[in-house]
N, C-alpha and C. Protein backbone atom coordinates (compact mmCIF):
# COMPACT_ATOMS: atom_id res chain seq x y z
N UNK A 1 27.05 257.52 100.85
CA UNK A 1 25.89 257.94 101.47
C UNK A 1 25.74 256.83 103.04
N UNK A 2 24.99 257.29 103.69
CA UNK A 2 24.71 256.43 105.09
C UNK A 2 23.71 255.29 104.46
N UNK A 3 24.25 254.24 104.85
CA UNK A 3 23.20 252.94 104.85
C UNK A 3 23.08 252.21 106.08
N UNK A 4 21.60 251.98 106.56
CA UNK A 4 21.67 251.23 107.63
C UNK A 4 21.54 249.82 107.40
N UNK A 5 22.15 248.65 108.29
CA UNK A 5 22.28 247.33 107.95
C UNK A 5 21.43 246.50 109.03
N UNK A 6 20.52 245.77 108.57
CA UNK A 6 19.89 245.00 109.27
C UNK A 6 20.44 243.90 110.55
N UNK A 7 20.03 243.73 111.45
CA UNK A 7 20.75 242.83 112.35
C UNK A 7 21.60 241.44 111.65
N UNK A 8 20.43 241.07 110.91
CA UNK A 8 20.94 239.59 110.25
C UNK A 8 22.23 239.71 109.51
N UNK A 9 22.65 240.96 108.77
CA UNK A 9 23.77 241.02 108.15
C UNK A 9 24.84 241.68 108.67
N UNK A 10 24.79 241.90 109.88
CA UNK A 10 25.93 242.76 110.94
C UNK A 10 27.27 241.68 110.74
N UNK A 11 27.06 240.53 110.50
CA UNK A 11 28.11 239.59 110.39
C UNK A 11 28.92 239.90 109.28
N UNK A 12 28.48 240.51 108.26
CA UNK A 12 29.28 241.08 106.94
C UNK A 12 30.05 242.48 107.41
N UNK A 13 29.20 243.33 107.95
CA UNK A 13 29.75 244.84 108.05
C UNK A 13 30.25 245.06 109.41
N UNK A 14 29.85 244.21 110.61
CA UNK A 14 30.23 244.42 112.03
C UNK A 14 29.70 245.84 112.49
N UNK A 15 29.32 246.62 111.27
CA UNK A 15 28.46 247.88 111.89
C UNK A 15 27.01 247.85 111.53
N UNK A 16 26.34 248.80 112.48
CA UNK A 16 24.94 249.01 111.91
C UNK A 16 24.87 250.06 110.88
N UNK A 17 25.51 250.97 110.66
CA UNK A 17 25.64 252.34 109.83
C UNK A 17 27.07 251.97 109.38
N UNK A 18 26.88 252.01 107.65
CA UNK A 18 28.12 252.37 107.00
C UNK A 18 28.12 253.17 105.88
N UNK A 19 28.97 253.44 105.17
CA UNK A 19 29.10 254.46 103.91
C UNK A 19 29.30 253.60 102.55
N UNK A 20 28.48 254.04 101.78
CA UNK A 20 28.47 253.53 100.41
C UNK A 20 28.19 254.40 99.48
N UNK A 21 28.40 254.44 98.11
CA UNK A 21 28.11 255.23 97.01
C UNK A 21 27.59 254.68 95.97
N UNK A 22 26.90 255.24 94.99
CA UNK A 22 26.34 254.75 93.93
C UNK A 22 25.22 255.65 93.40
N UNK A 23 25.01 255.63 91.93
CA UNK A 23 24.13 256.57 91.51
C UNK A 23 22.73 255.97 91.47
N UNK A 24 22.52 254.50 91.39
CA UNK A 24 21.30 253.77 91.60
C UNK A 24 21.70 252.68 92.82
N UNK A 25 20.67 252.54 93.40
CA UNK A 25 20.28 251.39 94.21
C UNK A 25 21.25 250.21 93.77
N UNK A 26 21.15 249.91 92.79
CA UNK A 26 22.05 248.71 92.19
C UNK A 26 23.53 249.03 92.66
N UNK A 27 24.05 250.08 91.99
CA UNK A 27 25.34 250.63 92.34
C UNK A 27 25.92 250.74 93.72
N UNK A 28 24.83 251.30 94.16
CA UNK A 28 25.30 251.23 96.01
C UNK A 28 25.32 249.71 96.44
N UNK A 29 24.54 248.96 96.14
CA UNK A 29 24.68 247.51 96.52
C UNK A 29 26.08 246.77 95.90
N UNK A 30 26.46 247.00 94.81
CA UNK A 30 27.82 246.55 94.16
C UNK A 30 28.85 247.27 95.07
N UNK A 31 28.58 248.55 95.49
CA UNK A 31 29.82 249.00 96.32
C UNK A 31 29.78 248.35 97.69
N UNK A 32 28.79 248.26 98.42
CA UNK A 32 28.81 247.40 99.59
C UNK A 32 29.23 245.75 99.38
N UNK A 33 28.97 245.37 98.41
CA UNK A 33 29.60 244.14 98.09
C UNK A 33 31.10 244.21 97.78
N UNK A 34 31.77 245.36 97.30
CA UNK A 34 32.93 245.55 97.12
C UNK A 34 33.67 245.69 98.76
N UNK A 35 33.08 246.55 99.55
CA UNK A 35 33.47 246.65 101.01
C UNK A 35 33.44 245.20 101.78
N UNK A 36 32.17 244.67 101.59
CA UNK A 36 31.78 243.59 102.71
C UNK A 36 31.19 242.59 101.60
N UNK A 37 32.33 241.70 101.04
CA UNK A 37 31.98 240.74 100.09
C UNK A 37 30.94 239.68 100.67
N UNK A 38 30.08 239.23 99.71
CA UNK A 38 29.08 238.31 99.94
C UNK A 38 27.79 239.15 100.32
N UNK A 39 27.72 240.27 100.87
CA UNK A 39 26.39 241.11 101.26
C UNK A 39 25.18 241.10 100.27
N UNK A 40 25.72 241.82 98.96
CA UNK A 40 24.89 241.66 97.83
C UNK A 40 23.92 240.41 97.62
N UNK A 41 24.71 239.26 97.57
CA UNK A 41 23.81 238.10 97.16
C UNK A 41 22.82 237.81 98.27
N UNK A 42 23.14 238.18 99.47
CA UNK A 42 22.06 238.07 100.57
C UNK A 42 20.53 238.89 100.27
N UNK A 43 21.00 239.94 99.70
CA UNK A 43 19.83 240.93 99.20
C UNK A 43 19.35 240.72 97.98
N UNK A 44 19.86 240.52 97.02
CA UNK A 44 19.67 240.57 95.38
C UNK A 44 19.93 239.00 95.18
N UNK A 45 19.20 238.52 94.18
CA UNK A 45 19.54 237.06 93.56
C UNK A 45 20.24 237.04 92.34
N UNK A 46 20.27 235.87 91.68
CA UNK A 46 20.81 235.66 90.67
C UNK A 46 20.28 236.44 89.45
N UNK A 47 19.03 236.82 89.35
CA UNK A 47 18.58 237.60 88.31
C UNK A 47 18.40 238.99 88.57
N UNK A 48 19.30 239.54 89.59
CA UNK A 48 19.42 241.04 89.77
C UNK A 48 18.20 241.38 90.28
N UNK A 49 17.08 240.56 90.99
CA UNK A 49 15.96 240.91 91.69
C UNK A 49 15.89 241.12 93.23
N UNK A 50 15.38 241.98 93.82
CA UNK A 50 15.27 242.06 95.30
C UNK A 50 14.84 240.80 95.83
N UNK A 51 15.42 240.01 97.04
CA UNK A 51 14.90 238.93 97.52
C UNK A 51 13.78 239.28 98.40
N UNK A 52 12.74 238.31 98.36
CA UNK A 52 11.48 238.34 98.69
C UNK A 52 11.35 239.09 100.05
N UNK A 53 12.37 238.43 101.13
CA UNK A 53 12.22 238.87 102.51
C UNK A 53 13.19 240.19 102.72
N UNK A 54 13.68 240.93 101.67
CA UNK A 54 14.31 242.08 101.70
C UNK A 54 13.29 243.50 101.54
N UNK A 55 13.76 244.50 102.34
CA UNK A 55 12.96 245.78 101.93
C UNK A 55 13.87 246.79 101.83
N UNK A 56 13.70 247.69 100.91
CA UNK A 56 14.76 248.71 100.68
C UNK A 56 14.04 250.16 100.77
N UNK A 57 14.56 251.20 101.42
CA UNK A 57 13.90 252.44 102.05
C UNK A 57 14.85 253.48 101.61
N UNK A 58 14.40 254.24 100.96
CA UNK A 58 15.40 255.56 100.38
C UNK A 58 14.67 256.74 101.09
N UNK A 59 15.43 257.38 101.87
CA UNK A 59 14.80 258.47 102.77
C UNK A 59 13.44 258.26 103.10
N UNK A 60 13.22 257.11 103.80
CA UNK A 60 12.16 256.67 104.63
C UNK A 60 11.03 256.36 103.65
N UNK A 61 11.39 256.16 102.56
CA UNK A 61 10.20 255.81 101.48
C UNK A 61 10.52 254.36 100.76
N UNK A 62 9.76 253.59 100.80
CA UNK A 62 9.97 251.98 100.41
C UNK A 62 10.12 251.98 98.72
N UNK A 63 11.34 251.53 98.29
CA UNK A 63 11.63 251.33 96.93
C UNK A 63 11.55 249.93 96.42
N UNK A 64 10.97 249.83 95.34
CA UNK A 64 10.88 248.42 94.59
C UNK A 64 11.73 248.11 93.40
N UNK A 65 12.51 249.15 93.21
CA UNK A 65 12.97 248.90 91.71
C UNK A 65 14.62 249.18 92.24
N UNK A 66 15.56 248.32 91.83
CA UNK A 66 16.81 248.37 92.30
C UNK A 66 17.62 249.36 91.15
N UNK A 67 16.94 250.08 90.14
CA UNK A 67 17.31 251.06 89.27
C UNK A 67 17.02 252.44 89.65
N UNK A 68 16.45 252.57 91.11
CA UNK A 68 15.88 253.70 91.28
C UNK A 68 17.15 254.70 91.73
N UNK A 69 17.18 255.75 91.23
CA UNK A 69 18.25 256.74 91.36
C UNK A 69 18.44 257.17 92.87
N UNK A 70 19.67 257.44 92.96
CA UNK A 70 20.38 257.90 94.51
C UNK A 70 21.10 259.05 94.23
N UNK A 71 21.11 259.92 95.27
CA UNK A 71 21.95 261.14 95.24
C UNK A 71 22.71 260.95 96.68
N UNK A 72 24.04 261.66 96.74
CA UNK A 72 24.82 261.44 97.74
C UNK A 72 24.54 261.62 99.08
N UNK A 73 23.27 262.66 99.09
CA UNK A 73 22.83 262.97 100.28
C UNK A 73 21.53 261.93 101.00
N UNK A 74 21.15 260.78 100.25
CA UNK A 74 20.21 260.10 100.56
C UNK A 74 20.73 259.14 101.92
N UNK A 75 19.64 258.89 102.31
CA UNK A 75 19.69 257.95 103.47
C UNK A 75 19.08 256.52 102.92
N UNK A 76 19.82 255.30 103.07
CA UNK A 76 19.29 254.24 102.55
C UNK A 76 19.30 253.06 103.93
N UNK A 77 18.11 252.52 103.88
CA UNK A 77 17.80 251.20 104.92
C UNK A 77 17.58 250.09 104.35
N UNK A 78 18.30 249.34 104.74
CA UNK A 78 18.15 247.87 104.51
C UNK A 78 17.33 246.99 105.45
N UNK A 79 16.19 246.63 105.18
CA UNK A 79 15.24 245.85 106.14
C UNK A 79 15.13 244.20 105.75
N UNK A 80 15.56 243.46 106.59
CA UNK A 80 15.12 241.94 106.44
C UNK A 80 13.94 241.48 107.21
N UNK A 81 13.01 240.90 106.53
CA UNK A 81 11.84 240.52 107.31
C UNK A 81 12.16 239.03 107.97
N UNK A 82 11.84 238.85 109.10
CA UNK A 82 11.99 237.73 109.85
C UNK A 82 10.64 237.00 109.65
N UNK A 83 10.97 235.52 109.40
CA UNK A 83 9.62 234.61 109.37
C UNK A 83 9.96 233.43 110.55
N UNK A 84 8.79 232.65 110.62
CA UNK A 84 8.96 231.54 111.51
C UNK A 84 7.53 231.50 112.25
N UNK A 85 7.56 230.65 113.08
CA UNK A 85 6.46 230.24 113.99
C UNK A 85 6.50 229.42 114.87
């Protein structure tokens, strides 16, 4: 399925849009990490929880559970919040 990558993570993929597969968001992230080593750790912590600055959207709806089911035709968007001041 199509996955849109946020600008701060382009150093891993070199592309804004990539292809990955998985029956759940967790499996999708594992596939992304196989293709782009290190990417998963930037979005998921050591306890397999979404990092606070990350947002996940499936078919333009925000998802809060990494066990969320996915279909091959879904579109996934990873969004990284920026902070500072």
